[in-house]
PDB file of all heavy atoms in Angstrom:
ATOM      1  N   ASP A   1    -165.526  45.774  17.793  1.00  0.00           N
ATOM      2  CA  ASP A   1    -166.130  46.208  18.940  1.00  0.00           C
ATOM      3  C   ASP A   1    -167.392  45.449  19.253  1.00  0.00           C
ATOM      4  O   ASP A   1    -167.675  44.908  20.352  1.00  0.00           O
ATOM      5  CB  ASP A   1    -166.265  47.673  19.041  1.00  0.00           C
ATOM      6  CG  ASP A   1    -164.939  48.486  19.164  1.00  0.00           C
ATOM      7  OD1 ASP A   1    -163.929  47.853  19.499  1.00  0.00           O
ATOM      8  OD2 ASP A   1    -165.111  49.696  18.948  1.00  0.00           O
ATOM      9  N   VAL A   2    -168.285  45.354  18.190  1.00  0.00           N
ATOM     10  CA  VAL A   2    -169.609  44.601  18.278  1.00  0.00           C
ATOM     11  C   VAL A   2    -169.263  43.211  18.792  1.00  0.00           C
ATOM     12  O   VAL A   2    -169.922  42.697  19.641  1.00  0.00           O
ATOM     13  CB  VAL A   2    -170.314  44.674  17.028  1.00  0.00           C
ATOM     14  CG1 VAL A   2    -171.470  43.762  17.068  1.00  0.00           C
ATOM     15  CG2 VAL A   2    -170.782  46.029  16.614  1.00  0.00           C
ATOM     16  N   GLN A   3    -168.235  42.516  18.080  1.00  0.00           N
ATOM     17  CA  GLN A   3    -167.984  41.174  18.436  1.00  0.00           C
ATOM     18  C   GLN A   3    -167.586  41.040  19.943  1.00  0.00           C
ATOM     19  O   GLN A   3    -168.016  40.091  20.605  1.00  0.00           O
ATOM     20  CB  GLN A   3    -166.989  40.574  17.541  1.00  0.00           C
ATOM     21  CG  GLN A   3    -166.498  39.184  17.938  1.00  0.00           C
ATOM     22  CD  GLN A   3    -165.842  38.404  16.894  1.00  0.00           C
ATOM     23  OE1 GLN A   3    -166.454  37.647  16.176  1.00  0.00           O
ATOM     24  NE2 GLN A   3    -164.477  38.509  16.718  1.00  0.00           N
ATOM     25  N   ARG A   4    -166.790  41.958  20.345  1.00  0.00           N
ATOM     26  CA  ARG A   4    -166.248  41.888  21.711  1.00  0.00           C
ATOM     27  C   ARG A   4    -167.339  42.006  22.736  1.00  0.00           C
ATOM     28  O   ARG A   4    -167.515  41.268  23.686  1.00  0.00           O
ATOM     29  CB  ARG A   4    -165.185  42.960  21.973  1.00  0.00           C
ATOM     30  CG  ARG A   4    -164.600  42.909  23.326  1.00  0.00           C
ATOM     31  CD  ARG A   4    -163.378  43.789  23.577  1.00  0.00           C
ATOM     32  NE  ARG A   4    -163.744  45.174  23.535  1.00  0.00           N
ATOM     33  CZ  ARG A   4    -163.451  45.980  22.373  1.00  0.00           C
ATOM     34  NH1 ARG A   4    -162.898  45.464  21.353  1.00  0.00           N
ATOM     35  NH2 ARG A   4    -163.822  47.268  22.507  1.00  0.00           N
ATOM     36  N   TYR A   5    -168.204  43.006  22.525  1.00  0.00           N
ATOM     37  CA  TYR A   5    -169.413  43.282  23.433  1.00  0.00           C
ATOM     38  C   TYR A   5    -170.288  42.137  23.432  1.00  0.00           C
ATOM     39  O   TYR A   5    -170.878  41.749  24.498  1.00  0.00           O
ATOM     40  CB  TYR A   5    -170.096  44.516  23.053  1.00  0.00           C
ATOM     41  CG  TYR A   5    -169.151  45.785  23.034  1.00  0.00           C
ATOM     42  CD1 TYR A   5    -169.310  46.889  22.158  1.00  0.00           C
ATOM     43  CD2 TYR A   5    -168.080  45.858  23.977  1.00  0.00           C
ATOM     44  CE1 TYR A   5    -168.522  47.905  22.176  1.00  0.00           C
ATOM     45  CE2 TYR A   5    -167.329  47.032  24.029  1.00  0.00           C
ATOM     46  CZ  TYR A   5    -167.529  48.072  23.089  1.00  0.00           C
ATOM     47  OH  TYR A   5    -166.654  49.092  23.101  1.00  0.00           O
ATOM     48  N   ILE A   6    -170.599  41.528  22.259  1.00  0.00           N
ATOM     49  CA  ILE A   6    -171.505  40.313  22.263  1.00  0.00           C
ATOM     50  C   ILE A   6    -170.971  39.288  23.060  1.00  0.00           C
ATOM     51  O   ILE A   6    -171.721  38.509  23.750  1.00  0.00           O
ATOM     52  CB  ILE A   6    -171.810  39.933  20.742  1.00  0.00           C
ATOM     53  CG1 ILE A   6    -172.762  41.018  20.136  1.00  0.00           C
ATOM     54  CG2 ILE A   6    -172.487  38.559  20.687  1.00  0.00           C
ATOM     55  CD1 ILE A   6    -173.138  40.784  18.741  1.00  0.00           C
ATOM     56  N   ASN A   7    -169.664  39.017  22.916  1.00  0.00           N
ATOM     57  CA  ASN A   7    -169.032  37.879  23.741  1.00  0.00           C
ATOM     58  C   ASN A   7    -168.979  38.188  25.137  1.00  0.00           C
ATOM     59  O   ASN A   7    -168.809  37.267  25.965  1.00  0.00           O
ATOM     60  CB  ASN A   7    -167.675  37.681  23.097  1.00  0.00           C
ATOM     61  CG  ASN A   7    -167.671  36.773  21.956  1.00  0.00           C
ATOM     62  OD1 ASN A   7    -168.740  36.313  21.520  1.00  0.00           O
ATOM     63  ND2 ASN A   7    -166.454  36.479  21.341  1.00  0.00           N
ATOM     64  N   GLU A   8    -169.151  39.437  25.548  1.00  0.00           N
ATOM     65  CA  GLU A   8    -169.246  39.742  26.979  1.00  0.00           C
ATOM     66  C   GLU A   8    -170.677  39.606  27.494  1.00  0.00           C
ATOM     67  O   GLU A   8    -170.928  39.086  28.652  1.00  0.00           O
ATOM     68  CB  GLU A   8    -168.754  41.248  27.256  1.00  0.00           C
ATOM     69  CG  GLU A   8    -167.272  41.419  26.991  1.00  0.00           C
ATOM     70  CD  GLU A   8    -166.886  42.873  27.181  1.00  0.00           C
ATOM     71  OE1 GLU A   8    -167.747  43.680  27.484  1.00  0.00           O
ATOM     72  OE2 GLU A   8    -165.695  43.167  26.938  1.00  0.00           O
ATOM     73  N   ASP A   9    -171.642  39.894  26.593  1.00  0.00           N
ATOM     74  CA  ASP A   9    -173.051  39.820  27.050  1.00  0.00           C
ATOM     75  C   ASP A   9    -173.556  38.336  26.974  1.00  0.00           C
ATOM     76  O   ASP A   9    -174.444  37.985  27.686  1.00  0.00           O
ATOM     77  CB  ASP A   9    -173.953  40.604  26.080  1.00  0.00           C
ATOM     78  CG  ASP A   9    -173.618  42.115  26.302  1.00  0.00           C
ATOM     79  OD1 ASP A   9    -173.063  42.555  27.286  1.00  0.00           O
ATOM     80  OD2 ASP A   9    -174.038  42.868  25.348  1.00  0.00           O
ATOM     81  N   LEU A  10    -173.035  37.552  26.037  1.00  0.00           N
ATOM     82  CA  LEU A  10    -173.364  36.089  25.891  1.00  0.00           C
ATOM     83  C   LEU A  10    -174.818  35.821  25.664  1.00  0.00           C
ATOM     84  O   LEU A  10    -175.469  34.945  26.310  1.00  0.00           O
ATOM     85  CB  LEU A  10    -172.840  35.369  27.146  1.00  0.00           C
ATOM     86  CG  LEU A  10    -171.288  35.307  27.368  1.00  0.00           C
ATOM     87  CD1 LEU A  10    -170.967  34.687  28.608  1.00  0.00           C
ATOM     88  CD2 LEU A  10    -170.585  34.530  26.186  1.00  0.00           C
ATOM     89  N   PRO A  11    -175.425  36.497  24.743  1.00  0.00           N
ATOM     90  CA  PRO A  11    -176.754  36.071  24.305  1.00  0.00           C
ATOM     91  C   PRO A  11    -176.785  34.867  23.464  1.00  0.00           C
ATOM     92  O   PRO A  11    -177.759  34.246  23.228  1.00  0.00           O
ATOM     93  CB  PRO A  11    -177.320  37.306  23.436  1.00  0.00           C
ATOM     94  CG  PRO A  11    -176.069  37.833  22.917  1.00  0.00           C
ATOM     95  CD  PRO A  11    -174.923  37.708  23.895  1.00  0.00           C
ATOM     96  N   TYR A  12    -175.543  34.443  22.892  1.00  0.00           N
ATOM     97  CA  TYR A  12    -175.516  33.292  22.027  1.00  0.00           C
ATOM     98  C   TYR A  12    -174.346  32.439  22.582  1.00  0.00           C
ATOM     99  O   TYR A  12    -173.250  32.866  22.951  1.00  0.00           O
ATOM    100  CB  TYR A  12    -175.040  33.701  20.672  1.00  0.00           C
ATOM    101  CG  TYR A  12    -175.821  34.898  20.090  1.00  0.00           C
ATOM    102  CD1 TYR A  12    -175.114  36.142  19.709  1.00  0.00           C
ATOM    103  CD2 TYR A  12    -177.225  34.843  19.931  1.00  0.00           C
ATOM    104  CE1 TYR A  12    -175.856  37.219  19.278  1.00  0.00           C
ATOM    105  CE2 TYR A  12    -177.882  35.977  19.443  1.00  0.00           C
ATOM    106  CZ  TYR A  12    -177.234  37.127  19.163  1.00  0.00           C
ATOM    107  OH  TYR A  12    -177.914  38.208  18.529  1.00  0.00           O
ATOM    108  N   ILE A  13    -174.590  31.089  22.706  1.00  0.00           N
ATOM    109  CA  ILE A  13    -173.602  30.165  23.130  1.00  0.00           C
ATOM    110  C   ILE A  13    -173.167  29.430  21.802  1.00  0.00           C
ATOM    111  O   ILE A  13    -173.805  28.619  21.314  1.00  0.00           O
ATOM    112  CB  ILE A  13    -174.237  29.084  24.080  1.00  0.00           C
ATOM    113  CG1 ILE A  13    -174.841  29.841  25.353  1.00  0.00           C
ATOM    114  CG2 ILE A  13    -173.213  28.105  24.486  1.00  0.00           C
ATOM    115  CD1 ILE A  13    -173.911  30.729  26.076  1.00  0.00           C
ATOM    116  N   TRP A  14    -171.988  29.837  21.327  1.00  0.00           N
ATOM    117  CA  TRP A  14    -171.387  29.327  20.114  1.00  0.00           C
ATOM    118  C   TRP A  14    -171.028  27.879  20.129  1.00  0.00           C
ATOM    119  O   TRP A  14    -170.571  27.450  21.189  1.00  0.00           O
ATOM    120  CB  TRP A  14    -170.246  30.114  19.689  1.00  0.00           C
ATOM    121  CG  TRP A  14    -170.352  31.649  19.716  1.00  0.00           C
ATOM    122  CD1 TRP A  14    -169.775  32.464  20.535  1.00  0.00           C
ATOM    123  CD2 TRP A  14    -171.218  32.476  18.945  1.00  0.00           C
ATOM    124  NE1 TRP A  14    -170.166  33.796  20.253  1.00  0.00           N
ATOM    125  CE2 TRP A  14    -171.005  33.798  19.292  1.00  0.00           C
ATOM    126  CE3 TRP A  14    -172.161  32.136  17.933  1.00  0.00           C
ATOM    127  CZ2 TRP A  14    -171.747  34.844  18.773  1.00  0.00           C
ATOM    128  CZ3 TRP A  14    -172.807  33.194  17.362  1.00  0.00           C
ATOM    129  CH2 TRP A  14    -172.628  34.476  17.741  1.00  0.00           C
ATOM    130  N   THR A  15    -171.119  27.188  19.009  1.00  0.00           N
ATOM    131  CA  THR A  15    -170.669  25.880  18.874  1.00  0.00           C
ATOM    132  C   THR A  15    -169.708  25.800  17.694  1.00  0.00           C
ATOM    133  O   THR A  15    -168.538  25.911  17.857  1.00  0.00           O
ATOM    134  CB  THR A  15    -171.734  24.787  18.777  1.00  0.00           C
ATOM    135  OG1 THR A  15    -172.669  25.192  17.641  1.00  0.00           O
ATOM    136  CG2 THR A  15    -172.620  24.761  19.977  1.00  0.00           C
ATOM    137  N   VAL A  16    -170.221  25.437  16.424  1.00  0.00           N
ATOM    138  CA  VAL A  16    -169.388  25.356  15.270  1.00  0.00           C
ATOM    139  C   VAL A  16    -170.139  26.197  14.118  1.00  0.00           C
ATOM    140  O   VAL A  16    -171.234  26.578  14.163  1.00  0.00           O
ATOM    141  CB  VAL A  16    -169.168  23.951  14.862  1.00  0.00           C
ATOM    142  CG1 VAL A  16    -168.272  23.134  15.760  1.00  0.00           C
ATOM    143  CG2 VAL A  16    -170.526  23.195  14.727  1.00  0.00           C
ATOM    144  N   ARG A  17    -169.306  26.463  13.112  1.00  0.00           N
ATOM    145  CA  ARG A  17    -169.848  27.179  11.960  1.00  0.00           C
ATOM    146  C   ARG A  17    -170.337  26.295  10.948  1.00  0.00           C
ATOM    147  O   ARG A  17    -169.947  25.175  10.727  1.00  0.00           O
ATOM    148  CB  ARG A  17    -168.709  28.049  11.370  1.00  0.00           C
ATOM    149  CG  ARG A  17    -168.237  29.091  12.360  1.00  0.00           C
ATOM    150  CD  ARG A  17    -167.240  30.094  11.661  1.00  0.00           C
ATOM    151  NE  ARG A  17    -166.697  31.009  12.600  1.00  0.00           N
ATOM    152  CZ  ARG A  17    -167.299  32.050  13.106  1.00  0.00           C
ATOM    153  NH1 ARG A  17    -168.564  32.367  12.667  1.00  0.00           N
ATOM    154  NH2 ARG A  17    -166.713  32.774  14.030  1.00  0.00           N
ATOM    155  N   SER A  18    -171.464  26.716  10.273  1.00  0.00           N
ATOM    156  CA  SER A  18    -172.087  25.947   9.199  1.00  0.00           C
ATOM    157  C   SER A  18    -171.268  25.969   7.971  1.00  0.00           C
ATOM    158  O   SER A  18    -170.629  26.962   7.681  1.00  0.00           O
ATOM    159  CB  SER A  18    -173.470  26.461   8.961  1.00  0.00           C
ATOM    160  OG  SER A  18    -174.405  26.169   9.979  1.00  0.00           O
ATOM    161  N   GLN A  19    -171.361  24.824   7.252  1.00  0.00           N
ATOM    162  CA  GLN A  19    -170.808  24.832   5.875  1.00  0.00           C
ATOM    163  C   GLN A  19    -171.971  24.605   4.872  1.00  0.00           C
ATOM    164  O   GLN A  19    -172.647  23.563   4.882  1.00  0.00           O
ATOM    165  CB  GLN A  19    -169.817  23.730   5.757  1.00  0.00           C
ATOM    166  CG  GLN A  19    -169.306  23.457   4.307  1.00  0.00           C
ATOM    167  CD  GLN A  19    -168.454  24.587   3.759  1.00  0.00           C
ATOM    168  OE1 GLN A  19    -167.324  24.835   4.244  1.00  0.00           O
ATOM    169  NE2 GLN A  19    -169.043  25.332   2.825  1.00  0.00           N
ATOM    170  N   TRP A  20    -172.300  25.582   4.101  1.00  0.00           N
ATOM    171  CA  TRP A  20    -173.260  25.400   3.030  1.00  0.00           C
ATOM    172  C   TRP A  20    -172.598  24.756   1.778  1.00  0.00           C
ATOM    173  O   TRP A  20    -171.602  25.155   1.447  1.00  0.00           O
ATOM    174  CB  TRP A  20    -173.801  26.795   2.650  1.00  0.00           C
ATOM    175  CG  TRP A  20    -174.986  27.251   3.483  1.00  0.00           C
ATOM    176  CD1 TRP A  20    -174.889  28.276   4.432  1.00  0.00           C
ATOM    177  CD2 TRP A  20    -176.361  26.818   3.479  1.00  0.00           C
ATOM    178  NE1 TRP A  20    -176.191  28.515   5.012  1.00  0.00           N
ATOM    179  CE2 TRP A  20    -177.054  27.580   4.452  1.00  0.00           C
ATOM    180  CE3 TRP A  20    -176.951  25.781   2.718  1.00  0.00           C
ATOM    181  CZ2 TRP A  20    -178.433  27.404   4.673  1.00  0.00           C
ATOM    182  CZ3 TRP A  20    -178.390  25.648   2.955  1.00  0.00           C
ATOM    183  CH2 TRP A  20    -179.093  26.382   3.890  1.00  0.00           C
ATOM    184  N   VAL A  21    -173.374  23.920   1.238  1.00  0.00           N
ATOM    185  CA  VAL A  21    -172.987  23.472  -0.112  1.00  0.00           C
ATOM    186  C   VAL A  21    -174.187  23.398  -1.026  1.00  0.00           C
ATOM    187  O   VAL A  21    -175.336  23.300  -0.595  1.00  0.00           O
ATOM    188  CB  VAL A  21    -172.386  21.975  -0.122  1.00  0.00           C
ATOM    189  CG1 VAL A  21    -171.178  21.990   0.700  1.00  0.00           C
ATOM    190  CG2 VAL A  21    -173.360  20.984   0.394  1.00  0.00           C
ATOM    191  N   VAL A  22    -174.024  23.608  -2.348  1.00  0.00           N
ATOM    192  CA  VAL A  22    -175.018  23.420  -3.356  1.00  0.00           C
ATOM    193  C   VAL A  22    -174.561  22.120  -4.157  1.00  0.00           C
ATOM    194  O   VAL A  22    -173.428  22.138  -4.534  1.00  0.00           O
ATOM    195  CB  VAL A  22    -175.232  24.671  -4.218  1.00  0.00           C
ATOM    196  CG1 VAL A  22    -176.106  24.359  -5.462  1.00  0.00           C
ATOM    197  CG2 VAL A  22    -175.768  25.713  -3.470  1.00  0.00           C
ATOM    198  N   VAL A  23    -175.518  21.236  -4.364  1.00  0.00           N
ATOM    199  CA  VAL A  23    -175.152  20.040  -5.046  1.00  0.00           C
ATOM    200  C   VAL A  23    -176.162  19.899  -6.217  1.00  0.00           C
ATOM    201  O   VAL A  23    -177.253  20.147  -6.111  1.00  0.00           O
ATOM    202  CB  VAL A  23    -175.207  18.763  -4.096  1.00  0.00           C
ATOM    203  CG1 VAL A  23    -174.600  17.609  -4.828  1.00  0.00           C
ATOM    204  CG2 VAL A  23    -174.495  19.083  -2.864  1.00  0.00           C
ATOM    205  N   ALA A  24    -175.621  19.384  -7.457  1.00  0.00           N
ATOM    206  CA  ALA A  24    -176.445  19.302  -8.553  1.00  0.00           C
ATOM    207  C   ALA A  24    -176.060  18.004  -9.342  1.00  0.00           C
ATOM    208  O   ALA A  24    -174.960  17.503  -9.272  1.00  0.00           O
ATOM    209  CB  ALA A  24    -176.267  20.457  -9.443  1.00  0.00           C
ATOM    210  N   SER A  25    -177.043  17.658 -10.123  1.00  0.00           N
ATOM    211  CA  SER A  25    -176.821  16.521 -11.022  1.00  0.00           C
ATOM    212  C   SER A  25    -175.873  16.824 -12.128  1.00  0.00           C
ATOM    213  O   SER A  25    -175.633  18.095 -12.370  1.00  0.00           O
ATOM    214  CB  SER A  25    -178.190  16.099 -11.692  1.00  0.00           C
ATOM    215  OG  SER A  25    -179.174  15.626 -10.692  1.00  0.00           O
ATOM    216  N   ASN A  26    -175.277  15.859 -12.765  1.00  0.00           N
ATOM    217  CA  ASN A  26    -174.220  16.116 -13.771  1.00  0.00           C
ATOM    218  C   ASN A  26    -174.682  16.799 -15.006  1.00  0.00           C
ATOM    219  O   ASN A  26    -173.969  17.174 -15.825  1.00  0.00           O
ATOM    220  CB  ASN A  26    -173.531  14.775 -14.015  1.00  0.00           C
ATOM    221  CG  ASN A  26    -172.543  14.386 -12.949  1.00  0.00           C
ATOM    222  OD1 ASN A  26    -172.108  15.256 -12.140  1.00  0.00           O
ATOM    223  ND2 ASN A  26    -172.225  13.130 -12.889  1.00  0.00           N
ATOM    224  N   ASN A  27    -176.029  16.904 -15.252  1.00  0.00           N
ATOM    225  CA  ASN A  27    -176.501  17.603 -16.375  1.00  0.00           C
ATOM    226  C   ASN A  27    -176.828  18.988 -16.138  1.00  0.00           C
ATOM    227  O   ASN A  27    -177.342  19.693 -17.129  1.00  0.00           O
ATOM    228  CB  ASN A  27    -177.759  16.803 -16.984  1.00  0.00           C
ATOM    229  CG  ASN A  27    -178.956  16.934 -16.027  1.00  0.00           C
ATOM    230  OD1 ASN A  27    -178.873  17.008 -14.896  1.00  0.00           O
ATOM    231  ND2 ASN A  27    -180.220  16.956 -16.659  1.00  0.00           N
ATOM    232  N   VAL A  28    -176.618  19.500 -14.932  1.00  0.00           N
ATOM    233  CA  VAL A  28    -176.963  20.930 -14.641  1.00  0.00           C
ATOM    234  C   VAL A  28    -175.683  21.763 -14.857  1.00  0.00           C
ATOM    235  O   VAL A  28    -174.563  21.334 -14.588  1.00  0.00           O
ATOM    236  CB  VAL A  28    -177.414  21.087 -13.225  1.00  0.00           C
ATOM    237  CG1 VAL A  28    -177.772  22.489 -12.926  1.00  0.00           C
ATOM    238  CG2 VAL A  28    -178.590  20.194 -12.992  1.00  0.00           C
ATOM    239  N   ARG A  29    -175.974  22.970 -15.528  1.00  0.00           N
ATOM    240  CA  ARG A  29    -174.826  23.838 -15.815  1.00  0.00           C
ATOM    241  C   ARG A  29    -175.247  25.276 -15.256  1.00  0.00           C
ATOM    242  O   ARG A  29    -176.368  25.487 -15.108  1.00  0.00           O
ATOM    243  CB  ARG A  29    -174.472  23.960 -17.245  1.00  0.00           C
ATOM    244  CG  ARG A  29    -173.973  22.600 -17.882  1.00  0.00           C
ATOM    245  CD  ARG A  29    -172.620  22.261 -17.357  1.00  0.00           C
ATOM    246  NE  ARG A  29    -172.169  21.012 -18.092  1.00  0.00           N
ATOM    247  CZ  ARG A  29    -172.479  19.729 -17.646  1.00  0.00           C
ATOM    248  NH1 ARG A  29    -173.154  19.667 -16.529  1.00  0.00           N
ATOM    249  NH2 ARG A  29    -171.925  18.729 -18.208  1.00  0.00           N
ATOM    250  N   GLY A  30    -174.309  26.139 -15.066  1.00  0.00           N
ATOM    251  CA  GLY A  30    -174.535  27.429 -14.471  1.00  0.00           C
ATOM    252  C   GLY A  30    -174.941  27.306 -13.033  1.00  0.00           C
ATOM    253  O   GLY A  30    -175.804  28.051 -12.653  1.00  0.00           O
ATOM    254  N   ILE A  31    -174.301  26.467 -12.275  1.00  0.00           N
ATOM    255  CA  ILE A  31    -174.632  26.218 -10.944  1.00  0.00           C
ATOM    256  C   ILE A  31    -174.282  27.499 -10.097  1.00  0.00           C
ATOM    257  O   ILE A  31    -175.076  27.958  -9.114  1.00  0.00           O
ATOM    258  CB  ILE A  31    -173.951  25.047 -10.281  1.00  0.00           C
ATOM    259  CG1 ILE A  31    -174.389  23.810 -11.126  1.00  0.00           C
ATOM    260  CG2 ILE A  31    -174.183  24.819  -8.880  1.00  0.00           C
ATOM    261  CD1 ILE A  31    -173.580  22.565 -10.771  1.00  0.00           C
ATOM    262  N   MET A  32    -173.168  28.059 -10.259  1.00  0.00           N
ATOM    263  CA  MET A  32    -172.641  29.204  -9.580  1.00  0.00           C
ATOM    264  C   MET A  32    -173.235  30.456 -10.213  1.00  0.00           C
ATOM    265  O   MET A  32    -173.619  30.426 -11.412  1.00  0.00           O
ATOM    266  CB  MET A  32    -171.129  29.262  -9.581  1.00  0.00           C
ATOM    267  CG  MET A  32    -170.585  27.989  -8.896  1.00  0.00           C
ATOM    268  SD  MET A  32    -168.758  27.812  -9.073  1.00  0.00           S
ATOM    269  CE  MET A  32    -168.225  29.024  -7.848  1.00  0.00           C
ATOM    270  N   ASN A  33    -173.317  31.535  -9.532  1.00  0.00           N
ATOM    271  CA  ASN A  33    -173.941  32.739 -10.008  1.00  0.00           C
ATOM    272  C   ASN A  33    -173.292  33.308 -11.268  1.00  0.00           C
ATOM    273  O   ASN A  33    -172.008  33.490 -11.283  1.00  0.00           O
ATOM    274  CB  ASN A  33    -173.968  33.855  -8.928  1.00  0.00           C
ATOM    275  CG  ASN A  33    -174.817  33.456  -7.735  1.00  0.00           C
ATOM    276  OD1 ASN A  33    -175.754  32.728  -7.833  1.00  0.00           O
ATOM    277  ND2 ASN A  33    -174.607  34.074  -6.643  1.00  0.00           N
ATOM    278  N   GLY A  34    -174.068  33.557 -12.284  1.00  0.00           N
ATOM    279  CA  GLY A  34    -173.495  34.088 -13.529  1.00  0.00           C
ATOM    280  C   GLY A  34    -173.226  35.552 -13.382  1.00  0.00           C
ATOM    281  O   GLY A  34    -173.388  36.125 -12.282  1.00  0.00           O
ATOM    282  N   PRO A  35    -172.776  36.194 -14.469  1.00  0.00           N
ATOM    283  CA  PRO A  35    -172.348  37.571 -14.441  1.00  0.00           C
ATOM    284  C   PRO A  35    -173.473  38.587 -13.978  1.00  0.00           C
ATOM    285  O   PRO A  35    -174.592  38.192 -14.176  1.00  0.00           O
ATOM    286  CB  PRO A  35    -171.837  37.945 -15.822  1.00  0.00           C
ATOM    287  CG  PRO A  35    -171.580  36.599 -16.443  1.00  0.00           C
ATOM    288  CD  PRO A  35    -172.556  35.671 -15.801  1.00  0.00           C
ATOM    289  N   LEU A  36    -173.101  39.676 -13.406  1.00  0.00           N
ATOM    290  CA  LEU A  36    -174.006  40.734 -13.118  1.00  0.00           C
ATOM    291  C   LEU A  36    -174.545  41.378 -14.486  1.00  0.00           C
ATOM    292  O   LEU A  36    -173.926  41.075 -15.550  1.00  0.00           O
ATOM    293  CB  LEU A  36    -173.398  41.792 -12.276  1.00  0.00           C
ATOM    294  CG  LEU A  36    -172.897  41.341 -10.874  1.00  0.00           C
ATOM    295  CD1 LEU A  36    -172.185  42.409 -10.173  1.00  0.00           C
ATOM    296  CD2 LEU A  36    -174.113  40.966 -10.053  1.00  0.00           C
TER     297      LEU A  36
END
């Protein structure tokens, strides 16, 4: 419902979605989050 109402009010003019990446040198390990 929130999404529908926001698209009716149009406070945001959408374009495309962002793609985040994390990039590391080849000597880095544990790039992704370790265990809790």
